[in-house]
Amino acid sequence: MIAISSYLPEVMLLSDRLLVSRQGRIVEEFNSLEATEEKIMYASIH
């Protein structure tokens, strides 16, 4: 299943793996154990 959302707590609860995209490209990949809101937000803007 693919879920697209900007509500990070919901995404983190539903996901085993998270991909962060920026400007149409995947810039970071996290598994659910290593993902934090801070890491996801950093990847989305840098």
N, C-alpha and C. Protein backbone atom coordinates (compact mmCIF):
# COMPACT_ATOMS: atom_id res chain seq x y z
N MET A 1 0.84 -1.16 0.00
CA MET A 1 0.00 0.00 0.00
C MET A 1 0.89 1.23 0.00
N ILE A 2 0.49 2.23 -0.71
CA ILE A 2 1.19 3.51 -0.73
C ILE A 2 0.29 4.53 -0.05
N ALA A 3 0.83 5.20 0.94
CA ALA A 3 0.10 6.27 1.63
C ALA A 3 0.90 7.56 1.48
N ILE A 4 0.24 8.60 1.03
CA ILE A 4 0.88 9.89 0.88
C ILE A 4 0.20 10.84 1.85
N SER A 5 1.01 11.40 2.73
CA SER A 5 0.45 12.29 3.75
C SER A 5 1.53 13.20 4.28
N SER A 6 1.13 14.35 4.78
CA SER A 6 2.07 15.23 5.46
C SER A 6 1.89 15.15 6.98
N TYR A 7 0.98 14.30 7.43
CA TYR A 7 0.75 14.11 8.86
C TYR A 7 1.66 12.97 9.35
N LEU A 8 2.83 13.34 9.83
CA LEU A 8 3.88 12.35 10.13
C LEU A 8 3.51 11.30 11.17
N PRO A 9 2.84 11.63 12.26
CA PRO A 9 2.50 10.57 13.22
C PRO A 9 1.69 9.44 12.59
N GLU A 10 0.73 9.79 11.73
CA GLU A 10 -0.08 8.79 11.05
C GLU A 10 0.77 7.94 10.11
N VAL A 11 1.61 8.59 9.33
CA VAL A 11 2.48 7.88 8.39
C VAL A 11 3.41 6.92 9.14
N MET A 12 3.97 7.37 10.23
CA MET A 12 4.90 6.54 10.98
C MET A 12 4.22 5.33 11.61
N LEU A 13 2.96 5.47 12.01
CA LEU A 13 2.22 4.34 12.57
C LEU A 13 1.86 3.29 11.52
N LEU A 14 1.60 3.74 10.31
CA LEU A 14 1.15 2.84 9.25
C LEU A 14 2.28 2.15 8.49
N SER A 15 3.49 2.67 8.59
CA SER A 15 4.54 2.28 7.66
C SER A 15 5.58 1.33 8.24
N ASP A 16 6.06 0.45 7.37
CA ASP A 16 7.24 -0.37 7.65
C ASP A 16 8.47 0.29 7.04
N ARG A 17 8.23 1.05 5.98
CA ARG A 17 9.30 1.73 5.26
C ARG A 17 8.77 3.08 4.80
N LEU A 18 9.60 4.12 4.92
CA LEU A 18 9.19 5.46 4.52
C LEU A 18 10.16 5.99 3.48
N LEU A 19 9.61 6.54 2.41
CA LEU A 19 10.42 7.18 1.38
C LEU A 19 10.09 8.66 1.38
N VAL A 20 11.11 9.48 1.37
CA VAL A 20 10.93 10.93 1.36
C VAL A 20 11.24 11.42 -0.05
N SER A 21 10.30 12.14 -0.63
CA SER A 21 10.55 12.69 -1.97
C SER A 21 10.60 14.22 -1.90
N ARG A 22 11.42 14.76 -2.77
CA ARG A 22 11.57 16.21 -2.88
C ARG A 22 11.77 16.52 -4.34
N GLN A 23 10.99 17.44 -4.86
CA GLN A 23 11.06 17.86 -6.25
C GLN A 23 10.98 16.67 -7.21
N GLY A 24 10.08 15.73 -6.90
CA GLY A 24 9.84 14.59 -7.77
C GLY A 24 10.84 13.47 -7.68
N ARG A 25 11.79 13.54 -6.76
CA ARG A 25 12.80 12.49 -6.61
C ARG A 25 12.79 11.94 -5.19
N ILE A 26 13.04 10.65 -5.07
CA ILE A 26 13.19 10.06 -3.74
C ILE A 26 14.57 10.42 -3.22
N VAL A 27 14.60 11.10 -2.07
CA VAL A 27 15.87 11.59 -1.54
C VAL A 27 16.34 10.84 -0.30
N GLU A 28 15.43 10.07 0.32
CA GLU A 28 15.81 9.33 1.53
C GLU A 28 14.86 8.17 1.74
N GLU A 29 15.37 7.12 2.34
CA GLU A 29 14.56 5.95 2.68
C GLU A 29 14.87 5.57 4.12
N PHE A 30 13.82 5.31 4.89
CA PHE A 30 13.97 4.91 6.29
C PHE A 30 13.14 3.66 6.55
N ASN A 31 13.62 2.79 7.41
CA ASN A 31 12.74 1.73 7.90
C ASN A 31 12.05 2.28 9.14
N SER A 32 11.01 1.61 9.59
CA SER A 32 10.20 2.15 10.68
C SER A 32 10.97 2.25 11.99
N LEU A 33 12.01 1.45 12.17
CA LEU A 33 12.77 1.49 13.42
C LEU A 33 13.71 2.68 13.49
N GLU A 34 14.21 3.15 12.36
CA GLU A 34 15.17 4.26 12.37
C GLU A 34 14.53 5.61 12.09
N ALA A 35 13.29 5.62 11.65
CA ALA A 35 12.63 6.87 11.28
C ALA A 35 12.19 7.66 12.51
N THR A 36 12.50 8.94 12.48
CA THR A 36 11.98 9.87 13.48
C THR A 36 11.40 11.06 12.72
N GLU A 37 10.54 11.80 13.37
CA GLU A 37 9.97 12.98 12.71
C GLU A 37 11.07 13.95 12.32
N GLU A 38 12.09 14.09 13.16
CA GLU A 38 13.19 15.00 12.88
C GLU A 38 13.96 14.58 11.63
N LYS A 39 14.27 13.29 11.51
CA LYS A 39 15.00 12.80 10.34
C LYS A 39 14.19 12.98 9.05
N ILE A 40 12.90 12.71 9.15
CA ILE A 40 12.04 12.84 7.97
C ILE A 40 11.94 14.30 7.55
N MET A 41 11.74 15.19 8.49
CA MET A 41 11.65 16.61 8.16
C MET A 41 12.97 17.13 7.60
N TYR A 42 14.09 16.71 8.17
CA TYR A 42 15.39 17.15 7.66
C TYR A 42 15.57 16.70 6.21
N ALA A 43 15.22 15.43 5.94
CA ALA A 43 15.36 14.91 4.58
C ALA A 43 14.45 15.64 3.61
N SER A 44 13.31 16.09 4.08
CA SER A 44 12.36 16.74 3.17
C SER A 44 12.77 18.16 2.79
N ILE A 45 13.67 18.78 3.56
CA ILE A 45 14.05 20.16 3.23
C ILE A 45 15.51 20.33 2.85
N HIS A 46 16.34 19.29 3.02
CA HIS A 46 17.77 19.41 2.67
C HIS A 46 18.16 18.51 1.56
